[in-house]
N, C-alpha and C. Protein backbone atom coordinates (compact mmCIF):
# COMPACT_ATOMS: atom_id res chain seq x y z
N ASP A 1 2.43 13.32 -0.89
CA ASP A 1 2.47 14.53 0.41
C ASP A 1 1.98 15.74 -0.30
N THR A 2 0.96 16.59 0.19
CA THR A 2 0.97 17.84 0.21
C THR A 2 0.22 18.79 1.41
N THR A 3 1.13 18.52 2.77
CA THR A 3 1.12 18.73 3.78
C THR A 3 1.91 20.57 3.72
N LEU A 4 2.58 20.82 3.28
CA LEU A 4 3.34 22.28 2.87
C LEU A 4 2.79 23.05 1.48
N ARG A 5 1.59 22.70 1.19
CA ARG A 5 0.74 23.71 0.25
C ARG A 5 -0.28 23.26 0.92
N GLU A 6 -1.19 22.14 0.19
CA GLU A 6 -2.45 22.01 1.00
C GLU A 6 -3.03 22.31 2.89
N GLY A 7 -2.04 21.09 2.74
CA GLY A 7 -2.19 21.14 4.42
C GLY A 7 -1.40 22.50 5.43
N THR A 8 -1.06 23.77 4.64
CA THR A 8 -1.11 25.38 5.37
C THR A 8 -1.80 26.08 5.12
N GLN A 9 -3.17 25.30 4.12
CA GLN A 9 -3.88 26.71 3.80
C GLN A 9 -5.36 26.13 5.06
N GLY A 10 -5.07 25.77 6.11
CA GLY A 10 -6.34 25.53 7.05
C GLY A 10 -6.29 27.16 7.97
N GLU A 11 -7.56 26.78 8.89
CA GLU A 11 -7.31 28.06 9.45
C GLU A 11 -6.36 28.22 10.86
N SER A 12 -5.40 29.45 10.84
CA SER A 12 -4.57 29.31 11.98
C SER A 12 -3.32 28.32 11.58
N VAL A 13 -3.06 28.04 10.31
CA VAL A 13 -2.34 27.12 9.97
C VAL A 13 -1.47 27.85 9.48
N SER A 14 0.30 28.54 10.07
CA SER A 14 1.62 28.71 9.41
C SER A 14 3.17 27.84 9.14
N ALA A 15 3.40 28.53 8.36
CA ALA A 15 4.35 27.27 8.28
C ALA A 15 5.40 28.45 7.76
N SER A 16 6.87 29.29 8.62
CA SER A 16 7.52 29.67 7.62
C SER A 16 8.71 29.09 6.73
N CYS A 17 9.42 29.16 6.65
CA CYS A 17 10.05 28.78 4.93
C CYS A 17 11.15 28.44 5.94
N ASP A 18 11.50 28.69 6.92
CA ASP A 18 12.53 27.10 7.96
C ASP A 18 12.09 26.57 7.83
N ASP A 19 10.28 26.65 8.88
CA ASP A 19 9.58 25.05 8.73
C ASP A 19 9.80 24.33 7.87
N LYS A 20 9.05 24.74 6.40
CA LYS A 20 8.55 24.71 5.33
C LYS A 20 10.40 22.99 4.87
N ILE A 21 10.99 23.24 4.60
CA ILE A 21 12.12 23.19 4.11
C ILE A 21 12.82 22.08 5.27
N LYS A 22 12.36 22.09 6.66
CA LYS A 22 12.34 21.33 7.59
C LYS A 22 10.99 19.78 7.17
N ILE A 23 10.20 20.09 7.32
CA ILE A 23 9.22 19.52 6.56
C ILE A 23 9.54 18.63 5.64
N ALA A 24 10.04 19.05 4.90
CA ALA A 24 10.73 18.45 3.19
C ALA A 24 11.05 17.36 3.37
N SER A 25 12.68 17.76 4.13
CA SER A 25 13.59 17.08 4.31
C SER A 25 13.78 15.80 5.63
N ARG A 26 11.81 15.92 6.68
CA ARG A 26 11.50 14.84 6.83
C ARG A 26 10.70 13.43 6.39
N LEU A 27 10.14 14.76 5.44
CA LEU A 27 8.88 13.83 4.48
C LEU A 27 9.92 13.24 3.48
N ALA A 28 10.74 13.28 3.63
CA ALA A 28 11.83 13.16 2.11
C ALA A 28 12.57 11.67 3.07
N LYS A 29 12.21 11.96 3.90
CA LYS A 29 12.80 9.95 5.38
C LYS A 29 11.66 8.88 5.05
N PHE A 30 11.10 9.67 4.57
CA PHE A 30 9.25 8.83 5.25
C PHE A 30 9.24 8.09 3.69
N ASP A 31 10.36 8.30 2.67
CA ASP A 31 10.60 8.05 1.51
C ASP A 31 9.12 8.52 0.73
N VAL A 32 8.06 9.28 1.05
CA VAL A 32 7.29 9.78 0.13
C VAL A 32 7.47 9.84 -1.39
N ASP A 33 6.38 9.80 -2.03
CA ASP A 33 7.42 9.47 -3.70
C ASP A 33 7.06 10.83 -3.72
N TYR A 34 6.40 11.67 -3.54
CA TYR A 34 6.03 13.26 -4.15
C TYR A 34 5.76 14.04 -3.02
N ILE A 35 6.35 15.32 -3.14
CA ILE A 35 6.14 16.08 -2.05
C ILE A 35 5.62 17.26 -2.36
N GLU A 36 4.30 17.83 -2.37
CA GLU A 36 3.45 18.97 -3.33
C GLU A 36 4.10 20.14 -2.21
N ALA A 37 5.32 21.02 -2.92
CA ALA A 37 6.13 21.82 -1.61
C ALA A 37 5.23 23.34 -1.85
N GLY A 38 4.36 23.67 -2.56
CA GLY A 38 3.56 24.64 -2.99
C GLY A 38 3.95 25.41 -3.79
N TRP A 39 3.07 26.41 -4.25
CA TRP A 39 2.82 27.26 -5.50
C TRP A 39 3.60 28.91 -5.68
N PRO A 40 5.02 28.16 -6.43
CA PRO A 40 5.78 29.36 -6.35
C PRO A 40 5.67 30.72 -7.25
N GLY A 41 4.20 30.56 -7.59
CA GLY A 41 3.86 31.97 -8.57
C GLY A 41 2.52 32.76 -7.91
N SER A 42 2.67 31.82 -6.61
CA SER A 42 1.72 33.16 -5.74
C SER A 42 1.84 33.96 -4.81
N ASN A 43 2.54 33.11 -3.93
CA ASN A 43 3.17 34.00 -2.86
C ASN A 43 4.86 33.89 -2.56
N PRO A 44 5.48 34.96 -1.78
CA PRO A 44 6.80 35.22 -1.99
C PRO A 44 7.43 33.51 -0.74
N LYS A 45 6.59 33.36 -0.22
CA LYS A 45 7.60 32.33 1.00
C LYS A 45 7.78 31.51 0.18
N ASP A 46 6.70 30.88 -1.07
CA ASP A 46 6.98 29.54 -1.50
C ASP A 46 7.66 30.06 -2.74
N LEU A 47 7.97 31.33 -3.35
CA LEU A 47 9.14 31.61 -4.21
C LEU A 47 10.03 31.27 -3.28
N GLU A 48 10.41 32.08 -1.88
CA GLU A 48 11.62 31.91 -1.64
C GLU A 48 12.01 30.22 -0.92
N PHE A 49 10.88 29.50 -0.80
CA PHE A 49 11.06 27.83 -0.80
C PHE A 49 11.75 27.29 -1.43
N PHE A 50 11.63 27.89 -2.85
CA PHE A 50 11.99 26.87 -3.94
C PHE A 50 13.74 27.00 -4.21
N GLN A 51 13.59 28.68 -4.08
CA GLN A 51 14.87 28.93 -4.44
C GLN A 51 15.62 28.70 -3.40
N ARG A 52 15.44 28.70 -1.85
CA ARG A 52 16.68 27.92 -0.63
C ARG A 52 16.40 25.98 -1.22
N ALA A 53 15.94 25.94 -0.93
CA ALA A 53 15.34 24.19 -1.77
C ALA A 53 16.42 23.90 -2.97
N LYS A 54 16.87 24.68 -3.61
CA LYS A 54 18.00 24.32 -4.43
C LYS A 54 18.89 23.86 -4.20
N VAL A 55 19.63 24.87 -2.96
CA VAL A 55 20.96 25.00 -2.04
C VAL A 55 21.07 24.17 -0.67
N GLU A 56 19.85 24.71 0.10
CA GLU A 56 19.72 23.63 1.30
C GLU A 56 19.31 22.52 1.49
N LEU A 57 18.69 21.26 0.62
CA LEU A 57 17.88 20.25 0.13
C LEU A 57 18.98 19.28 -0.58
N PRO A 58 19.38 18.00 0.22
CA PRO A 58 19.95 17.17 -0.68
C PRO A 58 19.08 16.59 -1.55
N GLU A 59 20.05 16.19 -2.84
CA GLU A 59 19.23 15.67 -3.91
C GLU A 59 18.03 14.75 -3.86
N HIS A 60 18.41 14.07 -3.33
CA HIS A 60 17.66 12.95 -2.56
C HIS A 60 16.03 13.51 -2.46
N THR A 61 16.48 14.42 -1.17
CA THR A 61 14.47 15.41 -1.43
C THR A 61 14.68 16.50 -2.54
N ARG A 62 15.59 16.87 -3.16
CA ARG A 62 14.22 17.58 -4.01
C ARG A 62 14.43 17.05 -5.26
N SER A 63 14.22 15.61 -5.66
CA SER A 63 14.39 14.95 -6.17
C SER A 63 12.32 14.63 -6.43
N LYS A 64 12.10 14.78 -4.66
CA LYS A 64 10.61 14.52 -5.21
C LYS A 64 9.58 15.33 -4.56
N LEU A 65 10.40 16.74 -4.93
CA LEU A 65 9.78 18.34 -4.92
C LEU A 65 8.88 18.45 -6.02
N VAL A 66 6.98 19.01 -5.60
CA VAL A 66 6.32 18.99 -6.50
C VAL A 66 6.18 20.64 -6.53
N ALA A 67 6.32 21.41 -7.66
CA ALA A 67 6.10 22.85 -7.90
C ALA A 67 4.62 22.77 -8.29
N PHE A 68 3.72 23.30 -7.32
CA PHE A 68 2.07 23.43 -7.57
C PHE A 68 1.41 24.71 -8.57
N GLY A 69 0.66 24.58 -9.19
CA GLY A 69 -0.01 26.15 -10.34
C GLY A 69 -1.35 25.06 -10.87
N SER A 70 -1.17 26.66 -12.44
CA SER A 70 -1.97 26.03 -12.70
C SER A 70 -1.41 25.96 -14.48
N SER A 71 -2.24 26.05 -14.98
CA SER A 71 -2.25 26.14 -16.81
C SER A 71 -1.78 27.29 -17.47
N ARG A 72 -1.38 27.34 -17.99
CA ARG A 72 -1.41 29.62 -18.44
C ARG A 72 -2.57 29.41 -18.56
N ARG A 73 -2.24 31.39 -18.65
CA ARG A 73 -3.82 31.65 -19.19
C ARG A 73 -3.73 32.25 -20.19
N LYS A 74 -5.47 32.35 -20.95
CA LYS A 74 -6.24 32.44 -21.95
C LYS A 74 -4.96 33.45 -22.82
N ASN A 75 -4.83 33.31 -24.52
CA ASN A 75 -4.37 34.70 -24.96
C ASN A 75 -2.83 34.92 -23.81
N ILE A 76 -2.12 33.76 -24.13
CA ILE A 76 -0.96 34.33 -23.49
C ILE A 76 -0.05 33.05 -23.54
N ALA A 77 0.77 33.70 -24.94
CA ALA A 77 1.58 32.59 -25.01
C ALA A 77 2.28 31.50 -24.02
N VAL A 78 2.28 30.17 -24.23
CA VAL A 78 2.89 29.49 -22.54
C VAL A 78 4.11 29.89 -22.12
N GLU A 79 5.17 30.14 -23.39
CA GLU A 79 6.05 29.91 -22.88
C GLU A 79 6.63 32.05 -22.03
N ASP A 80 5.16 32.78 -22.64
CA ASP A 80 5.16 34.31 -21.68
C ASP A 80 4.41 34.09 -20.88
N ASP A 81 4.06 33.08 -20.56
CA ASP A 81 2.67 32.92 -19.64
C ASP A 81 4.28 33.08 -17.47
N PRO A 82 3.84 34.08 -16.96
CA PRO A 82 4.23 34.07 -15.60
C PRO A 82 4.71 33.27 -14.84
N GLN A 83 3.68 33.01 -14.62
CA GLN A 83 2.62 31.15 -13.73
C GLN A 83 3.21 29.96 -14.27
N ILE A 84 3.82 29.87 -15.30
CA ILE A 84 4.47 28.77 -15.76
C ILE A 84 6.29 28.95 -15.61
N LYS A 85 6.25 30.84 -16.09
CA LYS A 85 7.76 30.70 -16.03
C LYS A 85 8.28 30.26 -14.20
N ALA A 86 7.64 30.94 -13.93
CA ALA A 86 8.12 30.12 -12.26
C ALA A 86 7.90 28.67 -11.79
N LEU A 87 7.20 27.75 -12.55
CA LEU A 87 6.63 26.65 -12.29
C LEU A 87 8.25 26.07 -12.73
N VAL A 88 8.84 26.69 -13.96
CA VAL A 88 10.12 26.70 -14.67
C VAL A 88 11.08 26.48 -13.30
N ASP A 89 10.92 27.96 -13.20
CA ASP A 89 12.30 28.01 -12.03
C ASP A 89 12.11 28.05 -10.62
N SER A 90 11.41 26.93 -11.10
CA SER A 90 11.79 26.39 -9.52
C SER A 90 12.23 24.88 -9.17
N ASP A 91 12.60 25.05 -10.83
CA ASP A 91 13.96 23.99 -10.96
C ASP A 91 13.22 22.31 -10.33
N VAL A 92 12.46 21.83 -10.30
CA VAL A 92 12.01 20.46 -9.43
C VAL A 92 11.62 19.95 -10.38
N PRO A 93 11.59 18.39 -10.53
CA PRO A 93 11.14 17.35 -11.35
C PRO A 93 9.72 17.71 -12.08
N THR A 94 9.37 17.81 -11.00
CA THR A 94 7.97 17.20 -11.22
C THR A 94 7.00 18.71 -11.04
N VAL A 95 5.58 18.72 -11.48
CA VAL A 95 4.92 19.85 -11.50
C VAL A 95 3.32 19.52 -11.13
N CYS A 96 2.84 19.51 -10.03
CA CYS A 96 1.43 19.60 -10.10
C CYS A 96 0.41 20.91 -10.82
N MET A 97 -0.38 20.24 -11.88
CA MET A 97 -1.11 21.69 -12.77
C MET A 97 -2.16 21.52 -12.58
N VAL A 98 -2.93 22.71 -11.65
CA VAL A 98 -4.38 22.67 -11.95
C VAL A 98 -4.79 23.28 -13.19
N VAL A 99 -6.08 22.80 -13.47
CA VAL A 99 -6.75 22.53 -14.82
C VAL A 99 -8.26 22.35 -14.50
N LYS A 100 -9.02 23.56 -15.09
CA LYS A 100 -10.55 23.38 -14.81
C LYS A 100 -10.83 22.32 -15.84
N ALA A 101 -12.11 21.25 -14.93
CA ALA A 101 -12.81 20.26 -16.03
C ALA A 101 -14.08 20.53 -15.66
N HIS A 102 -14.24 21.59 -15.84
CA HIS A 102 -16.11 21.41 -15.21
C HIS A 102 -16.45 22.97 -16.73
N SER A 103 -17.29 22.72 -17.53
CA SER A 103 -17.34 23.72 -18.74
C SER A 103 -18.00 25.09 -18.09
N TRP A 104 -19.11 24.80 -17.56
CA TRP A 104 -19.15 25.94 -16.13
C TRP A 104 -18.13 26.86 -16.38
N GLN A 105 -17.25 26.07 -15.41
CA GLN A 105 -16.40 26.49 -14.62
C GLN A 105 -15.40 27.57 -16.04
N VAL A 106 -14.93 26.99 -16.43
CA VAL A 106 -14.84 27.44 -18.15
C VAL A 106 -15.31 28.43 -18.28
N THR A 107 -16.24 28.82 -18.51
CA THR A 107 -17.05 29.30 -19.48
C THR A 107 -17.05 31.11 -18.16
N GLU A 108 -17.69 30.21 -16.95
CA GLU A 108 -18.18 31.87 -16.07
C GLU A 108 -17.09 31.50 -15.12
N ILE A 109 -15.96 31.17 -14.86
CA ILE A 109 -14.58 31.64 -14.36
C ILE A 109 -13.66 31.83 -14.31
N LEU A 110 -13.32 31.16 -16.18
CA LEU A 110 -12.40 31.73 -16.89
C LEU A 110 -12.76 32.24 -17.61
N ARG A 111 -13.60 32.71 -17.59
CA ARG A 111 -14.25 32.72 -19.15
C ARG A 111 -13.53 32.98 -20.17
N ALA A 112 -13.22 31.45 -20.64
CA ALA A 112 -12.78 31.17 -21.81
C ALA A 112 -14.26 30.29 -22.13
N THR A 113 -13.47 29.69 -23.65
CA THR A 113 -14.48 29.06 -24.50
C THR A 113 -13.80 27.37 -24.14
N ARG A 114 -15.09 26.98 -24.10
CA ARG A 114 -14.25 25.27 -23.56
C ARG A 114 -13.10 24.46 -24.51
N GLU A 115 -12.88 25.22 -25.94
CA GLU A 115 -11.85 24.68 -26.63
C GLU A 115 -10.41 25.41 -25.94
N GLU A 116 -10.56 26.63 -25.81
CA GLU A 116 -9.40 27.40 -25.58
C GLU A 116 -9.17 26.90 -24.08
N ASN A 117 -9.85 26.39 -23.31
CA ASN A 117 -9.13 25.55 -21.98
C ASN A 117 -8.65 24.59 -22.38
N LEU A 118 -9.04 23.36 -23.56
CA LEU A 118 -8.55 22.68 -23.87
C LEU A 118 -6.97 22.83 -24.49
N GLU A 119 -7.17 23.87 -24.84
CA GLU A 119 -5.47 24.56 -25.39
C GLU A 119 -4.67 24.46 -24.54
N MET A 120 -5.32 24.96 -23.53
CA MET A 120 -4.58 26.05 -21.88
C MET A 120 -3.90 24.89 -21.65
N ILE A 121 -5.11 23.52 -21.56
CA ILE A 121 -4.37 22.29 -20.79
C ILE A 121 -3.41 21.81 -21.69
N SER A 122 -3.50 21.37 -23.50
CA SER A 122 -2.63 20.55 -23.52
C SER A 122 -1.22 21.56 -23.80
N ASP A 123 -1.33 22.97 -24.26
CA ASP A 123 0.17 23.45 -24.39
C ASP A 123 1.14 23.90 -23.51
N SER A 124 0.22 23.58 -21.57
CA SER A 124 0.78 23.83 -20.71
C SER A 124 1.85 22.46 -20.41
N VAL A 125 0.99 21.33 -20.52
CA VAL A 125 1.69 20.29 -20.25
C VAL A 125 2.51 19.76 -21.07
N SER A 126 2.15 20.57 -22.49
CA SER A 126 3.49 20.49 -23.67
C SER A 126 4.58 20.70 -23.02
N TYR A 127 4.07 21.45 -23.38
CA TYR A 127 5.82 22.26 -22.95
C TYR A 127 6.82 21.74 -22.14
N LEU A 128 5.60 21.81 -20.62
CA LEU A 128 6.59 21.48 -19.31
C LEU A 128 7.21 20.28 -19.99
N THR A 129 6.70 19.32 -19.98
CA THR A 129 6.93 17.73 -20.24
C THR A 129 8.28 18.10 -21.46
N SER A 130 8.57 18.94 -22.30
CA SER A 130 8.84 18.98 -23.59
C SER A 130 10.50 19.71 -22.74
N LEU A 131 10.40 20.24 -21.95
CA LEU A 131 11.49 20.81 -21.03
C LEU A 131 12.06 19.40 -19.82
N GLY A 132 11.23 18.34 -19.97
CA GLY A 132 11.75 17.33 -19.18
C GLY A 132 11.14 17.48 -17.40
N LYS A 133 10.03 18.01 -17.50
CA LYS A 133 9.19 17.81 -16.48
C LYS A 133 8.21 16.52 -15.93
N THR A 134 7.94 16.36 -15.21
CA THR A 134 7.31 15.40 -14.93
C THR A 134 5.79 16.01 -14.60
N VAL A 135 4.39 16.15 -15.48
CA VAL A 135 3.19 16.40 -14.90
C VAL A 135 2.53 15.69 -15.06
N LEU A 136 1.95 15.96 -13.90
CA LEU A 136 0.35 15.27 -12.68
C LEU A 136 -0.67 16.23 -12.91
N VAL A 137 -1.88 16.20 -13.60
CA VAL A 137 -2.83 17.32 -14.32
C VAL A 137 -3.65 17.08 -12.59
N ASP A 138 -4.31 17.95 -12.12
CA ASP A 138 -4.77 18.29 -11.40
C ASP A 138 -6.56 19.06 -11.64
N LEU A 139 -7.25 17.67 -12.10
CA LEU A 139 -8.79 18.22 -12.71
C LEU A 139 -9.56 18.69 -11.50
N GLU A 140 -9.67 20.26 -11.76
CA GLU A 140 -10.31 21.06 -10.89
C GLU A 140 -11.83 20.75 -11.22
N HIS A 141 -12.91 20.36 -10.38
CA HIS A 141 -14.67 20.50 -10.16
C HIS A 141 -14.70 19.14 -11.44
N PHE A 142 -13.69 18.33 -11.25
CA PHE A 142 -13.57 16.93 -11.97
C PHE A 142 -15.34 16.27 -11.85
N PHE A 143 -15.39 15.74 -11.20
CA PHE A 143 -16.87 15.04 -10.20
C PHE A 143 -17.72 15.80 -10.80
N ASP A 144 -18.21 16.99 -9.98
CA ASP A 144 -19.12 18.68 -10.21
C ASP A 144 -19.16 18.09 -12.38
N GLY A 145 -17.75 18.30 -12.91
CA GLY A 145 -18.10 18.67 -14.10
C GLY A 145 -18.52 17.42 -14.99
N TYR A 146 -17.89 16.00 -14.37
CA TYR A 146 -18.80 14.79 -15.41
C TYR A 146 -19.97 14.48 -15.26
N LYS A 147 -21.26 15.10 -14.21
CA LYS A 147 -21.66 14.60 -14.14
C LYS A 147 -22.95 15.90 -14.43
N SER A 148 -22.49 16.98 -14.69
CA SER A 148 -23.46 18.11 -15.78
C SER A 148 -22.34 17.55 -17.54
N ASP A 149 -21.74 17.33 -17.82
CA ASP A 149 -21.21 16.59 -18.69
C ASP A 149 -19.78 16.43 -19.22
N PRO A 150 -20.36 15.19 -19.16
CA PRO A 150 -19.52 14.11 -19.07
C PRO A 150 -18.17 13.91 -20.26
N GLU A 151 -19.10 14.09 -21.48
CA GLU A 151 -18.14 14.26 -22.75
C GLU A 151 -17.21 15.02 -22.16
N TYR A 152 -17.25 16.36 -21.78
CA TYR A 152 -16.15 17.52 -21.47
C TYR A 152 -15.16 17.07 -20.43
N ALA A 153 -15.32 16.51 -19.77
CA ALA A 153 -14.98 16.29 -18.48
C ALA A 153 -13.79 15.30 -19.17
N ILE A 154 -13.89 14.94 -19.55
CA ILE A 154 -13.43 13.52 -20.35
C ILE A 154 -12.30 14.15 -21.37
N ALA A 155 -13.21 14.90 -22.07
CA ALA A 155 -11.77 15.44 -22.79
C ALA A 155 -10.61 16.84 -22.69
N CYS A 156 -11.27 17.53 -21.37
CA CYS A 156 -9.82 17.78 -20.41
C CYS A 156 -8.95 16.48 -20.19
N CYS A 157 -8.98 15.13 -19.86
CA CYS A 157 -8.40 14.77 -19.15
C CYS A 157 -7.58 13.79 -20.54
N GLU A 158 -8.41 13.72 -21.65
CA GLU A 158 -7.79 13.68 -22.85
C GLU A 158 -6.24 14.26 -23.95
N SER A 159 -7.28 15.80 -22.86
CA SER A 159 -6.06 17.06 -23.56
C SER A 159 -4.84 16.65 -22.78
N ALA A 160 -4.90 16.43 -21.62
CA ALA A 160 -3.86 16.43 -20.57
C ALA A 160 -2.85 14.90 -20.43
N VAL A 161 -3.98 13.89 -21.18
CA VAL A 161 -2.61 12.87 -21.60
C VAL A 161 -1.86 12.79 -23.25
N ASN A 162 -2.88 13.62 -23.53
CA ASN A 162 -2.22 13.56 -25.02
C ASN A 162 -0.82 14.11 -25.41
N ALA A 163 -1.40 15.20 -24.26
CA ALA A 163 0.11 15.94 -23.58
C ALA A 163 1.16 15.63 -23.74
N GLY A 164 0.54 14.57 -22.72
CA GLY A 164 2.24 14.01 -21.96
C GLY A 164 1.97 14.47 -20.57
N ALA A 165 0.75 13.83 -19.98
CA ALA A 165 0.83 14.09 -18.15
C ALA A 165 1.44 13.28 -18.04
N ARG A 166 1.31 12.88 -16.69
CA ARG A 166 1.84 11.39 -16.28
C ARG A 166 0.53 10.70 -15.23
N CYS A 167 -0.52 11.87 -14.86
CA CYS A 167 -1.21 11.34 -14.03
C CYS A 167 -2.24 12.35 -14.16
N LEU A 168 -3.64 11.92 -14.00
CA LEU A 168 -4.52 13.28 -13.54
C LEU A 168 -5.07 12.62 -12.04
N VAL A 169 -5.50 13.61 -11.73
CA VAL A 169 -6.28 13.75 -10.08
C VAL A 169 -7.60 14.07 -10.35
N MET A 170 -8.61 13.32 -10.60
CA MET A 170 -9.97 13.59 -10.17
C MET A 170 -10.40 14.08 -9.13
N CYS A 171 -10.79 15.76 -8.80
CA CYS A 171 -11.10 16.01 -7.51
C CYS A 171 -12.36 16.11 -7.72
N ASP A 172 -12.96 16.22 -6.25
CA ASP A 172 -14.52 16.47 -5.78
C ASP A 172 -14.17 17.55 -5.30
N THR A 173 -13.93 18.48 -5.62
CA THR A 173 -13.17 20.37 -5.66
C THR A 173 -14.20 20.96 -4.13
N ASN A 174 -15.21 20.77 -4.40
CA ASN A 174 -16.71 20.70 -3.87
C ASN A 174 -17.23 19.85 -2.62
N GLY A 175 -16.57 18.60 -2.69
CA GLY A 175 -16.58 17.54 -1.89
C GLY A 175 -18.37 17.32 -2.18
N GLY A 176 -19.19 17.43 -2.73
CA GLY A 176 -20.82 17.06 -3.13
C GLY A 176 -20.84 16.07 -3.75
N SER A 177 -19.93 15.44 -4.33
CA SER A 177 -20.09 14.10 -4.77
C SER A 177 -20.18 12.83 -3.67
N MET A 178 -21.12 12.08 -3.74
CA MET A 178 -21.45 10.95 -2.45
C MET A 178 -20.31 9.78 -3.13
N PRO A 179 -19.73 8.95 -2.47
CA PRO A 179 -18.30 8.02 -2.02
C PRO A 179 -19.07 6.90 -3.52
N TRP A 180 -20.77 6.81 -3.53
CA TRP A 180 -20.69 5.84 -4.52
C TRP A 180 -20.47 6.34 -5.89
N GLU A 181 -20.92 7.66 -5.91
CA GLU A 181 -20.99 8.42 -7.82
C GLU A 181 -19.62 8.29 -7.62
N ILE A 182 -18.72 8.73 -6.68
CA ILE A 182 -16.97 8.79 -7.19
C ILE A 182 -16.38 7.35 -7.66
N THR A 183 -17.04 6.52 -7.22
CA THR A 183 -16.64 5.14 -7.03
C THR A 183 -17.19 5.18 -8.67
N GLU A 184 -18.50 5.22 -9.29
CA GLU A 184 -19.25 4.52 -10.47
C GLU A 184 -18.45 5.04 -11.31
N MET A 185 -17.86 6.55 -11.31
CA MET A 185 -17.43 7.68 -12.43
C MET A 185 -15.71 7.73 -12.53
N SER A 186 -15.38 6.66 -11.13
CA SER A 186 -13.83 6.74 -11.64
C SER A 186 -14.01 5.70 -12.31
N LYS A 187 -14.62 4.33 -12.20
CA LYS A 187 -14.31 3.22 -13.02
C LYS A 187 -15.05 3.55 -14.34
N ALA A 188 -16.47 4.80 -14.38
CA ALA A 188 -16.20 4.62 -16.23
C ALA A 188 -14.87 5.52 -16.29
N MET A 189 -13.84 6.26 -16.04
CA MET A 189 -12.73 7.05 -16.24
C MET A 189 -11.45 5.83 -16.48
N VAL A 190 -11.58 4.54 -15.96
CA VAL A 190 -10.92 3.63 -15.98
C VAL A 190 -10.99 2.85 -17.33
């Protein structure tokens, strides 16, 4: 369930930390497998949520919490990256890490080489899994990336899987792919 992260990004939507604690408790009672609870490295409210969750939520609920974040930045060792540290410090069992899966996004937005991006994915996933975290990888712009350069989009997937990712989440970030395109690309990936 992404209510506590994606769901709070809508226009005029605001949830206090108290609200987020209550919502997480309710979601756990619904027995969802994962509760994507926020991005601890991005804002004080999400940081507060993860700190309070450690003491205010029962183990059953905490075991379902997912911290959202991104791979390490380029030119920074994974263990020195503040974003990765925030994911570790969230003290939850699962991390959902967003990575770029479109070569244009890599070179123009991250200003990294394609190989650097693959290393950032691999380093981040392997580091977090070495600490006992379950890692889900959110492949941002996957379908657009697959359309323009399928070999590179697949290389991003392979980098994550080979480093220990439990699940790949292929995203139509811009919402520009038609359902039949997504069906065909998903079949090719499987």
